[in-house]
Amino acid sequence: VQLVESGGGLVQPGGSLRLSCAVSRRRFNINAMGWYRQAPGQQRE
């Protein structure tokens, strides 16, 4: 499995963004996918 994110950037409060994740897989069945985030000094959630 290879995952490549895109779409991040700088936005003002109240704004919108759409993130994309390009998925390629080989001999692998995906059961679930998700988005996680990690701020500096914090756990990935």
All heavy atoms as atom14 arrays in JSON, in Angstrom:
{
  "sequence": "VQLVESGGGLVQPGGSLRLSCAVSRRRFNINAMGWYRQAPGQQRE",
  "atom14_mask": [
    [1, 1, 1, 1, 1, 1, 1, 0, 0, 0, 0, 0, 0, 0],
    [1, 1, 1, 1, 1, 1, 1, 1, 1, 0, 0, 0, 0, 0],
    [1, 1, 1, 1, 1, 1, 1, 1, 0, 0, 0, 0, 0, 0],
    [1, 1, 1, 1, 1, 1, 1, 0, 0, 0, 0, 0, 0, 0],
    [1, 1, 1, 1, 1, 1, 1, 1, 1, 0, 0, 0, 0, 0],
    [1, 1, 1, 1, 1, 1, 0, 0, 0, 0, 0, 0, 0, 0],
    [1, 1, 1, 1, 0, 0, 0, 0, 0, 0, 0, 0, 0, 0],
    [1, 1, 1, 1, 0, 0, 0, 0, 0, 0, 0, 0, 0, 0],
    [1, 1, 1, 1, 0, 0, 0, 0, 0, 0, 0, 0, 0, 0],
    [1, 1, 1, 1, 1, 1, 1, 1, 0, 0, 0, 0, 0, 0],
    [1, 1, 1, 1, 1, 1, 1, 0, 0, 0, 0, 0, 0, 0],
    [1, 1, 1, 1, 1, 1, 1, 1, 1, 0, 0, 0, 0, 0],
    [1, 1, 1, 1, 1, 1, 1, 0, 0, 0, 0, 0, 0, 0],
    [1, 1, 1, 1, 0, 0, 0, 0, 0, 0, 0, 0, 0, 0],
    [1, 1, 1, 1, 0, 0, 0, 0, 0, 0, 0, 0, 0, 0],
    [1, 1, 1, 1, 1, 1, 0, 0, 0, 0, 0, 0, 0, 0],
    [1, 1, 1, 1, 1, 1, 1, 1, 0, 0, 0, 0, 0, 0],
    [1, 1, 1, 1, 1, 1, 1, 1, 1, 1, 1, 0, 0, 0],
    [1, 1, 1, 1, 1, 1, 1, 1, 0, 0, 0, 0, 0, 0],
    [1, 1, 1, 1, 1, 1, 0, 0, 0, 0, 0, 0, 0, 0],
    [1, 1, 1, 1, 1, 1, 0, 0, 0, 0, 0, 0, 0, 0],
    [1, 1, 1, 1, 1, 0, 0, 0, 0, 0, 0, 0, 0, 0],
    [1, 1, 1, 1, 1, 1, 1, 0, 0, 0, 0, 0, 0, 0],
    [1, 1, 1, 1, 1, 1, 0, 0, 0, 0, 0, 0, 0, 0],
    [1, 1, 1, 1, 1, 1, 1, 1, 1, 1, 1, 0, 0, 0],
    [1, 1, 1, 1, 1, 1, 1, 1, 1, 1, 1, 0, 0, 0],
    [1, 1, 1, 1, 1, 1, 1, 1, 1, 1, 1, 0, 0, 0],
    [1, 1, 1, 1, 1, 1, 1, 1, 1, 1, 1, 0, 0, 0],
    [1, 1, 1, 1, 1, 1, 1, 1, 0, 0, 0, 0, 0, 0],
    [1, 1, 1, 1, 1, 1, 1, 1, 0, 0, 0, 0, 0, 0],
    [1, 1, 1, 1, 1, 1, 1, 1, 0, 0, 0, 0, 0, 0],
    [1, 1, 1, 1, 1, 0, 0, 0, 0, 0, 0, 0, 0, 0],
    [1, 1, 1, 1, 1, 1, 1, 1, 0, 0, 0, 0, 0, 0],
    [1, 1, 1, 1, 0, 0, 0, 0, 0, 0, 0, 0, 0, 0],
    [1, 1, 1, 1, 1, 1, 1, 1, 1, 1, 1, 1, 1, 1],
    [1, 1, 1, 1, 1, 1, 1, 1, 1, 1, 1, 1, 0, 0],
    [1, 1, 1, 1, 1, 1, 1, 1, 1, 1, 1, 0, 0, 0],
    [1, 1, 1, 1, 1, 1, 1, 1, 1, 0, 0, 0, 0, 0],
    [1, 1, 1, 1, 1, 0, 0, 0, 0, 0, 0, 0, 0, 0],
    [1, 1, 1, 1, 1, 1, 1, 0, 0, 0, 0, 0, 0, 0],
    [1, 1, 1, 1, 0, 0, 0, 0, 0, 0, 0, 0, 0, 0],
    [1, 1, 1, 1, 1, 1, 1, 1, 1, 0, 0, 0, 0, 0],
    [1, 1, 1, 1, 1, 1, 1, 1, 1, 0, 0, 0, 0, 0],
    [1, 1, 1, 1, 1, 1, 1, 1, 1, 1, 1, 0, 0, 0],
    [1, 1, 1, 1, 1, 1, 1, 1, 1, 0, 0, 0, 0, 0]
  ],
  "atom14_positions": [
    [[0.84, -1.18, 0.0], [0.0, 0.0, 0.0], [0.88, 1.24, 0.0], [1.84, 1.33, 0.77], [-0.94, 0.05, 1.22], [-1.78, 1.32, 1.19], [-1.84, -1.18, 1.24], [0.0, 0.0, 0.0], [0.0, 0.0, 0.0], [0.0, 0.0, 0.0], [0.0, 0.0, 0.0], [0.0, 0.0, 0.0], [0.0, 0.0, 0.0], [0.0, 0.0, 0.0]],
    [[0.53, 2.2, -0.86], [1.19, 3.49, -0.87], [0.13, 4.58, -0.77], [-0.86, 4.55, -1.51], [2.03, 3.68, -2.12], [2.82, 4.97, -2.13], [3.74, 5.11, -3.34], [3.72, 4.26, -4.23], [4.52, 6.16, -3.37], [0.0, 0.0, 0.0], [0.0, 0.0, 0.0], [0.0, 0.0, 0.0], [0.0, 0.0, 0.0], [0.0, 0.0, 0.0]],
    [[0.34, 5.53, 0.12], [-0.6, 6.61, 0.36], [0.12, 7.94, 0.21], [1.17, 8.14, 0.81], [-1.2, 6.5, 1.77], [-1.79, 5.15, 2.16], [-2.14, 5.13, 3.65], [-3.03, 4.85, 1.33], [0.0, 0.0, 0.0], [0.0, 0.0, 0.0], [0.0, 0.0, 0.0], [0.0, 0.0, 0.0], [0.0, 0.0, 0.0], [0.0, 0.0, 0.0]],
    [[-0.46, 8.85, -0.56], [0.15, 10.15, -0.8], [-0.91, 11.22, -0.59], [-1.88, 11.31, -1.34], [0.73, 10.27, -2.22], [1.35, 11.64, -2.42], [1.76, 9.18, -2.46], [0.0, 0.0, 0.0], [0.0, 0.0, 0.0], [0.0, 0.0, 0.0], [0.0, 0.0, 0.0], [0.0, 0.0, 0.0], [0.0, 0.0, 0.0], [0.0, 0.0, 0.0]],
    [[-0.71, 12.06, 0.44], [-1.66, 13.12, 0.77], [-1.34, 14.39, -0.02], [-0.19, 14.64, -0.38], [-1.64, 13.44, 2.27], [-1.97, 12.28, 3.17], [-0.73, 11.59, 3.7], [0.31, 11.61, 3.0], [-0.79, 11.03, 4.8], [0.0, 0.0, 0.0], [0.0, 0.0, 0.0], [0.0, 0.0, 0.0], [0.0, 0.0, 0.0], [0.0, 0.0, 0.0]],
    [[-2.36, 15.2, -0.22], [-2.21, 16.5, -0.84], [-3.39, 17.38, -0.42], [-4.39, 16.89, 0.11], [-2.13, 16.4, -2.36], [-3.33, 15.86, -2.9], [0.0, 0.0, 0.0], [0.0, 0.0, 0.0], [0.0, 0.0, 0.0], [0.0, 0.0, 0.0], [0.0, 0.0, 0.0], [0.0, 0.0, 0.0], [0.0, 0.0, 0.0], [0.0, 0.0, 0.0]],
    [[-3.26, 18.68, -0.66], [-4.35, 19.6, -0.41], [-4.2, 20.46, 0.82], [-5.03, 21.34, 1.06], [0.0, 0.0, 0.0], [0.0, 0.0, 0.0], [0.0, 0.0, 0.0], [0.0, 0.0, 0.0], [0.0, 0.0, 0.0], [0.0, 0.0, 0.0], [0.0, 0.0, 0.0], [0.0, 0.0, 0.0], [0.0, 0.0, 0.0], [0.0, 0.0, 0.0]],
    [[-3.17, 20.24, 1.61], [-2.97, 21.06, 2.79], [-2.51, 22.46, 2.42], [-2.15, 22.74, 1.28], [0.0, 0.0, 0.0], [0.0, 0.0, 0.0], [0.0, 0.0, 0.0], [0.0, 0.0, 0.0], [0.0, 0.0, 0.0], [0.0, 0.0, 0.0], [0.0, 0.0, 0.0], [0.0, 0.0, 0.0], [0.0, 0.0, 0.0], [0.0, 0.0, 0.0]],
    [[-2.51, 23.34, 3.41], [-2.09, 24.7, 3.18], [-2.51, 25.61, 4.3], [-2.92, 25.17, 5.37], [0.0, 0.0, 0.0], [0.0, 0.0, 0.0], [0.0, 0.0, 0.0], [0.0, 0.0, 0.0], [0.0, 0.0, 0.0], [0.0, 0.0, 0.0], [0.0, 0.0, 0.0], [0.0, 0.0, 0.0], [0.0, 0.0, 0.0], [0.0, 0.0, 0.0]],
    [[-2.41, 26.91, 4.03], [-2.78, 27.94, 4.99], [-4.18, 28.45, 4.68], [-4.47, 28.79, 3.52], [-1.77, 29.09, 4.94], [-2.07, 30.31, 5.81], [-2.03, 29.94, 7.29], [-1.08, 31.42, 5.5], [0.0, 0.0, 0.0], [0.0, 0.0, 0.0], [0.0, 0.0, 0.0], [0.0, 0.0, 0.0], [0.0, 0.0, 0.0], [0.0, 0.0, 0.0]],
    [[-5.01, 28.52, 5.69], [-6.38, 28.99, 5.52], [-6.78, 29.81, 6.74], [-6.31, 29.55, 7.85], [-7.36, 27.81, 5.31], [-7.4, 26.91, 6.54], [-8.74, 28.3, 4.94], [0.0, 0.0, 0.0], [0.0, 0.0, 0.0], [0.0, 0.0, 0.0], [0.0, 0.0, 0.0], [0.0, 0.0, 0.0], [0.0, 0.0, 0.0], [0.0, 0.0, 0.0]],
    [[-7.62, 30.81, 6.54], [-8.09, 31.63, 7.64], [-9.2, 30.93, 8.42], [-9.89, 30.06, 7.88], [-8.59, 32.98, 7.11], [-7.52, 33.85, 6.49], [-8.01, 35.23, 6.13], [-9.1, 35.64, 6.52], [-7.19, 35.97, 5.41], [0.0, 0.0, 0.0], [0.0, 0.0, 0.0], [0.0, 0.0, 0.0], [0.0, 0.0, 0.0], [0.0, 0.0, 0.0]],
    [[-9.36, 31.29, 9.69], [-10.46, 30.71, 10.46], [-11.8, 30.88, 9.75], [-12.09, 31.94, 9.19], [-10.43, 31.48, 11.77], [-9.0, 31.91, 11.9], [-8.54, 32.2, 10.5], [0.0, 0.0, 0.0], [0.0, 0.0, 0.0], [0.0, 0.0, 0.0], [0.0, 0.0, 0.0], [0.0, 0.0, 0.0], [0.0, 0.0, 0.0], [0.0, 0.0, 0.0]],
    [[-12.59, 29.83, 9.77], [-13.86, 29.82, 9.07], [-13.78, 29.34, 7.65], [-14.83, 29.13, 7.01], [0.0, 0.0, 0.0], [0.0, 0.0, 0.0], [0.0, 0.0, 0.0], [0.0, 0.0, 0.0], [0.0, 0.0, 0.0], [0.0, 0.0, 0.0], [0.0, 0.0, 0.0], [0.0, 0.0, 0.0], [0.0, 0.0, 0.0], [0.0, 0.0, 0.0]],
    [[-12.58, 29.14, 7.15], [-12.39, 28.7, 5.79], [-12.54, 27.21, 5.61], [-12.86, 26.47, 6.55], [0.0, 0.0, 0.0], [0.0, 0.0, 0.0], [0.0, 0.0, 0.0], [0.0, 0.0, 0.0], [0.0, 0.0, 0.0], [0.0, 0.0, 0.0], [0.0, 0.0, 0.0], [0.0, 0.0, 0.0], [0.0, 0.0, 0.0], [0.0, 0.0, 0.0]],
    [[-12.28, 26.76, 4.39], [-12.45, 25.36, 4.03], [-11.24, 24.84, 3.27], [-10.54, 25.61, 2.59], [-13.7, 25.17, 3.16], [-14.87, 25.57, 3.83], [0.0, 0.0, 0.0], [0.0, 0.0, 0.0], [0.0, 0.0, 0.0], [0.0, 0.0, 0.0], [0.0, 0.0, 0.0], [0.0, 0.0, 0.0], [0.0, 0.0, 0.0], [0.0, 0.0, 0.0]],
    [[-11.0, 23.56, 3.38], [-9.98, 22.86, 2.64], [-10.47, 21.45, 2.35], [-11.27, 20.9, 3.11], [-8.65, 22.77, 3.4], [-7.72, 23.99, 3.44], [-6.54, 23.68, 4.36], [-7.23, 24.33, 2.05], [0.0, 0.0, 0.0], [0.0, 0.0, 0.0], [0.0, 0.0, 0.0], [0.0, 0.0, 0.0], [0.0, 0.0, 0.0], [0.0, 0.0, 0.0]],
    [[-9.98, 20.89, 1.26], [-10.23, 19.49, 0.97], [-8.91, 18.77, 0.78], [-8.13, 19.1, -0.1], [-11.1, 19.29, -0.27], [-11.52, 17.82, -0.45], [-12.55, 17.61, -1.51], [-11.98, 17.53, -2.84], [-12.58, 16.95, -3.88], [-13.79, 16.42, -3.74], [-12.0, 16.96, -5.06], [0.0, 0.0, 0.0], [0.0, 0.0, 0.0], [0.0, 0.0, 0.0]],
    [[-8.69, 17.78, 1.63], [-7.51, 16.96, 1.55], [-7.79, 15.72, 0.7], [-8.9, 15.19, 0.71], [-7.05, 16.51, 2.94], [-6.82, 17.62, 3.96], [-6.32, 17.02, 5.27], [-5.84, 18.66, 3.44], [0.0, 0.0, 0.0], [0.0, 0.0, 0.0], [0.0, 0.0, 0.0], [0.0, 0.0, 0.0], [0.0, 0.0, 0.0], [0.0, 0.0, 0.0]],
    [[-6.77, 15.28, -0.03], [-6.89, 14.09, -0.85], [-5.78, 13.12, -0.49], [-4.68, 13.52, -0.13], [-6.81, 14.43, -2.34], [-7.85, 15.29, -2.73], [0.0, 0.0, 0.0], [0.0, 0.0, 0.0], [0.0, 0.0, 0.0], [0.0, 0.0, 0.0], [0.0, 0.0, 0.0], [0.0, 0.0, 0.0], [0.0, 0.0, 0.0], [0.0, 0.0, 0.0]],
    [[-6.08, 11.85, -0.62], [-5.11, 10.79, -0.39], [-5.19, 9.82, -1.56], [-6.2, 9.14, -1.73], [-5.4, 10.07, 0.93], [-4.36, 8.63, 1.25], [0.0, 0.0, 0.0], [0.0, 0.0, 0.0], [0.0, 0.0, 0.0], [0.0, 0.0, 0.0], [0.0, 0.0, 0.0], [0.0, 0.0, 0.0], [0.0, 0.0, 0.0], [0.0, 0.0, 0.0]],
    [[-4.13, 9.79, -2.37], [-4.06, 8.86, -3.48], [-3.63, 7.49, -2.97], [-2.62, 7.37, -2.28], [-3.1, 9.37, -4.54], [0.0, 0.0, 0.0], [0.0, 0.0, 0.0], [0.0, 0.0, 0.0], [0.0, 0.0, 0.0], [0.0, 0.0, 0.0], [0.0, 0.0, 0.0], [0.0, 0.0, 0.0], [0.0, 0.0, 0.0], [0.0, 0.0, 0.0]],
    [[-4.39, 6.47, -3.33], [-4.19, 5.13, -2.81], [-3.75, 4.2, -3.92], [-4.39, 4.12, -4.97], [-5.48, 4.58, -2.16], [-5.24, 3.19, -1.58], [-6.0, 5.54, -1.11], [0.0, 0.0, 0.0], [0.0, 0.0, 0.0], [0.0, 0.0, 0.0], [0.0, 0.0, 0.0], [0.0, 0.0, 0.0], [0.0, 0.0, 0.0], [0.0, 0.0, 0.0]],
    [[-2.67, 3.5, -3.69], [-2.25, 2.41, -4.57], [-1.97, 1.19, -3.72], [-1.36, 1.31, -2.65], [-1.03, 2.8, -5.41], [0.09, 3.07, -4.59], [0.0, 0.0, 0.0], [0.0, 0.0, 0.0], [0.0, 0.0, 0.0], [0.0, 0.0, 0.0], [0.0, 0.0, 0.0], [0.0, 0.0, 0.0], [0.0, 0.0, 0.0], [0.0, 0.0, 0.0]],
    [[-2.42, 0.06, -4.18], [-2.25, -1.16, -3.4], [-1.94, -2.35, -4.3], [-2.26, -2.35, -5.48], [-3.49, -1.44, -2.56], [-4.77, -1.57, -3.37], [-5.97, -1.71, -2.45], [-7.22, -1.73, -3.2], [-7.81, -2.83, -3.65], [-7.26, -4.02, -3.44], [-8.94, -2.75, -4.33], [0.0, 0.0, 0.0], [0.0, 0.0, 0.0], [0.0, 0.0, 0.0]],
    [[-1.31, -3.32, -3.71], [-0.94, -4.52, -4.43], [-1.08, -5.71, -3.5], [-0.45, -5.75, -2.44], [0.5, -4.41, -4.94], [0.99, -5.62, -5.7], [2.41, -5.4, -6.18], [2.93, -6.57, -6.88], [4.15, -6.67, -7.35], [5.0, -5.65, -7.21], [4.55, -7.78, -7.97], [0.0, 0.0, 0.0], [0.0, 0.0, 0.0], [0.0, 0.0, 0.0]],
    [[-1.92, -6.64, -3.87], [-2.15, -7.86, -3.11], [-2.56, -7.54, -1.68], [-2.13, -8.21, -0.73], [-0.9, -8.74, -3.11], [-0.45, -9.18, -4.5], [0.73, -10.11, -4.4], [0.4, -11.33, -3.69], [1.29, -12.21, -3.26], [2.57, -12.0, -3.47], [0.89, -13.3, -2.62], [0.0, 0.0, 0.0], [0.0, 0.0, 0.0], [0.0, 0.0, 0.0]],
    [[-3.39, -6.53, -1.52], [-3.78, -6.07, -0.21], [-5.23, -5.64, -0.24], [-5.63, -4.85, -1.09], [-2.89, -4.91, 0.25], [-3.01, -4.57, 1.7], [-2.19, -5.19, 2.63], [-3.93, -3.63, 2.14], [-2.28, -4.88, 3.97], [-4.03, -3.31, 3.48], [-3.2, -3.94, 4.4], [0.0, 0.0, 0.0], [0.0, 0.0, 0.0], [0.0, 0.0, 0.0]],
    [[-6.03, -6.16, 0.66], [-7.43, -5.79, 0.79], [-7.57, -4.81, 1.94], [-7.24, -5.13, 3.08], [-8.3, -7.01, 1.03], [-8.41, -7.9, -0.19], [-8.42, -7.43, -1.32], [-8.49, -9.21, 0.04], [0.0, 0.0, 0.0], [0.0, 0.0, 0.0], [0.0, 0.0, 0.0], [0.0, 0.0, 0.0], [0.0, 0.0, 0.0], [0.0, 0.0, 0.0]],
    [[-8.08, -3.62, 1.65], [-8.25, -2.58, 2.65], [-9.6, -2.73, 3.32], [-10.63, -2.76, 2.65], [-8.11, -1.19, 2.02], [-6.7, -0.99, 1.48], [-8.45, -0.11, 3.04], [-6.5, 0.32, 0.75], [0.0, 0.0, 0.0], [0.0, 0.0, 0.0], [0.0, 0.0, 0.0], [0.0, 0.0, 0.0], [0.0, 0.0, 0.0], [0.0, 0.0, 0.0]],
    [[-9.59, -2.82, 4.63], [-10.82, -2.91, 5.4], [-11.36, -1.55, 5.81], [-12.57, -1.36, 5.89], [-10.61, -3.77, 6.65], [-10.29, -5.21, 6.32], [-10.8, -5.76, 5.35], [-9.46, -5.83, 7.15], [0.0, 0.0, 0.0], [0.0, 0.0, 0.0], [0.0, 0.0, 0.0], [0.0, 0.0, 0.0], [0.0, 0.0, 0.0], [0.0, 0.0, 0.0]],
    [[-10.45, -0.63, 6.09], [-10.86, 0.69, 6.54], [-9.77, 1.7, 6.24], [-8.58, 1.35, 6.18], [-11.18, 0.68, 8.03], [0.0, 0.0, 0.0], [0.0, 0.0, 0.0], [0.0, 0.0, 0.0], [0.0, 0.0, 0.0], [0.0, 0.0, 0.0], [0.0, 0.0, 0.0], [0.0, 0.0, 0.0], [0.0, 0.0, 0.0], [0.0, 0.0, 0.0]],
    [[-10.16, 2.94, 6.07], [-9.23, 4.03, 5.89], [-9.63, 5.18, 6.8], [-10.78, 5.29, 7.22], [-9.19, 4.51, 4.44], [-8.75, 3.45, 3.46], [-8.39, 4.14, 1.82], [-6.9, 5.1, 2.2], [0.0, 0.0, 0.0], [0.0, 0.0, 0.0], [0.0, 0.0, 0.0], [0.0, 0.0, 0.0], [0.0, 0.0, 0.0], [0.0, 0.0, 0.0]],
    [[-8.66, 6.02, 7.11], [-8.95, 7.13, 7.98], [-7.99, 8.28, 7.83], [-6.94, 8.15, 7.19], [0.0, 0.0, 0.0], [0.0, 0.0, 0.0], [0.0, 0.0, 0.0], [0.0, 0.0, 0.0], [0.0, 0.0, 0.0], [0.0, 0.0, 0.0], [0.0, 0.0, 0.0], [0.0, 0.0, 0.0], [0.0, 0.0, 0.0], [0.0, 0.0, 0.0]],
    [[-8.39, 9.38, 8.41], [-7.53, 10.56, 8.52], [-7.17, 10.77, 9.98], [-8.05, 10.76, 10.85], [-8.22, 11.81, 7.99], [-8.37, 11.85, 6.5], [-9.44, 11.49, 5.76], [-7.37, 12.29, 5.57], [-9.2, 11.68, 4.43], [-7.93, 12.17, 4.29], [-6.07, 12.78, 5.7], [-7.22, 12.52, 3.13], [-5.37, 13.13, 4.55], [-5.94, 12.99, 3.3]],
    [[-5.9, 10.93, 10.24], [-5.38, 11.26, 11.55], [-4.7, 12.62, 11.49], [-4.33, 13.09, 10.41], [-4.38, 10.21, 12.03], [-4.96, 8.86, 12.36], [-5.41, 8.01, 11.36], [-5.03, 8.42, 13.69], [-5.93, 6.76, 11.67], [-5.55, 7.17, 14.0], [-6.0, 6.35, 12.98], [-6.51, 5.11, 13.28], [0.0, 0.0, 0.0], [0.0, 0.0, 0.0]],
    [[-4.53, 13.23, 12.64], [-3.78, 14.47, 12.68], [-2.91, 14.52, 13.93], [-3.22, 13.9, 14.94], [-4.71, 15.7, 12.63], [-5.59, 15.89, 13.85], [-6.56, 17.04, 13.62], [-7.4, 17.29, 14.77], [-8.42, 18.14, 14.78], [-8.71, 18.83, 13.67], [-9.14, 18.31, 15.88], [0.0, 0.0, 0.0], [0.0, 0.0, 0.0], [0.0, 0.0, 0.0]],
    [[-1.84, 15.28, 13.83], [-0.91, 15.41, 14.94], [-0.39, 16.84, 14.99], [0.24, 17.31, 14.04], [0.26, 14.43, 14.8], [1.19, 14.41, 15.99], [2.17, 13.26, 15.92], [2.47, 12.75, 14.84], [2.67, 12.84, 17.06], [0.0, 0.0, 0.0], [0.0, 0.0, 0.0], [0.0, 0.0, 0.0], [0.0, 0.0, 0.0], [0.0, 0.0, 0.0]],
    [[-0.68, 17.51, 16.09], [-0.16, 18.85, 16.33], [1.16, 18.74, 17.09], [1.42, 17.73, 17.76], [-1.17, 19.67, 17.13], [0.0, 0.0, 0.0], [0.0, 0.0, 0.0], [0.0, 0.0, 0.0], [0.0, 0.0, 0.0], [0.0, 0.0, 0.0], [0.0, 0.0, 0.0], [0.0, 0.0, 0.0], [0.0, 0.0, 0.0], [0.0, 0.0, 0.0]],
    [[2.02, 19.75, 17.01], [3.3, 19.7, 17.71], [3.13, 19.42, 19.2], [2.32, 20.05, 19.88], [3.9, 21.09, 17.48], [3.28, 21.54, 16.2], [1.89, 21.0, 16.22], [0.0, 0.0, 0.0], [0.0, 0.0, 0.0], [0.0, 0.0, 0.0], [0.0, 0.0, 0.0], [0.0, 0.0, 0.0], [0.0, 0.0, 0.0], [0.0, 0.0, 0.0]],
    [[3.88, 18.45, 19.7], [3.84, 18.11, 21.11], [2.62, 17.32, 21.54], [2.44, 17.09, 22.74], [0.0, 0.0, 0.0], [0.0, 0.0, 0.0], [0.0, 0.0, 0.0], [0.0, 0.0, 0.0], [0.0, 0.0, 0.0], [0.0, 0.0, 0.0], [0.0, 0.0, 0.0], [0.0, 0.0, 0.0], [0.0, 0.0, 0.0], [0.0, 0.0, 0.0]],
    [[1.8, 16.89, 20.6], [0.59, 16.16, 20.93], [0.6, 14.78, 20.28], [1.36, 14.52, 19.35], [-0.65, 16.93, 20.5], [-0.8, 18.3, 21.14], [-2.1, 18.99, 20.77], [-3.06, 18.33, 20.35], [-2.14, 20.29, 20.92], [0.0, 0.0, 0.0], [0.0, 0.0, 0.0], [0.0, 0.0, 0.0], [0.0, 0.0, 0.0], [0.0, 0.0, 0.0]],
    [[-0.25, 13.92, 20.79], [-0.4, 12.58, 20.24], [-1.16, 12.63, 18.92], [-2.0, 13.52, 18.71], [-1.13, 11.67, 21.23], [-0.42, 11.46, 22.55], [0.66, 10.42, 22.45], [0.97, 9.89, 21.39], [1.26, 10.1, 23.59], [0.0, 0.0, 0.0], [0.0, 0.0, 0.0], [0.0, 0.0, 0.0], [0.0, 0.0, 0.0], [0.0, 0.0, 0.0]],
    [[-0.88, 11.68, 18.07], [-1.63, 11.55, 16.84], [-3.03, 11.04, 17.17], [-3.19, 10.07, 17.93], [-0.93, 10.6, 15.88], [-1.53, 10.55, 14.5], [-0.65, 9.75, 13.54], [0.66, 10.35, 13.39], [1.59, 9.89, 12.55], [1.33, 8.85, 11.77], [2.77, 10.49, 12.48], [0.0, 0.0, 0.0], [0.0, 0.0, 0.0], [0.0, 0.0, 0.0]],
    [[-4.04, 11.69, 16.62], [-5.41, 11.34, 16.94], [-6.21, 11.05, 15.67], [-5.95, 11.62, 14.61], [-6.09, 12.46, 17.73], [-6.24, 13.76, 16.96], [-7.04, 14.82, 17.71], [-7.63, 14.49, 18.75], [-7.07, 15.98, 17.24], [0.0, 0.0, 0.0], [0.0, 0.0, 0.0], [0.0, 0.0, 0.0], [0.0, 0.0, 0.0], [0.0, 0.0, 0.0]]
  ]
}
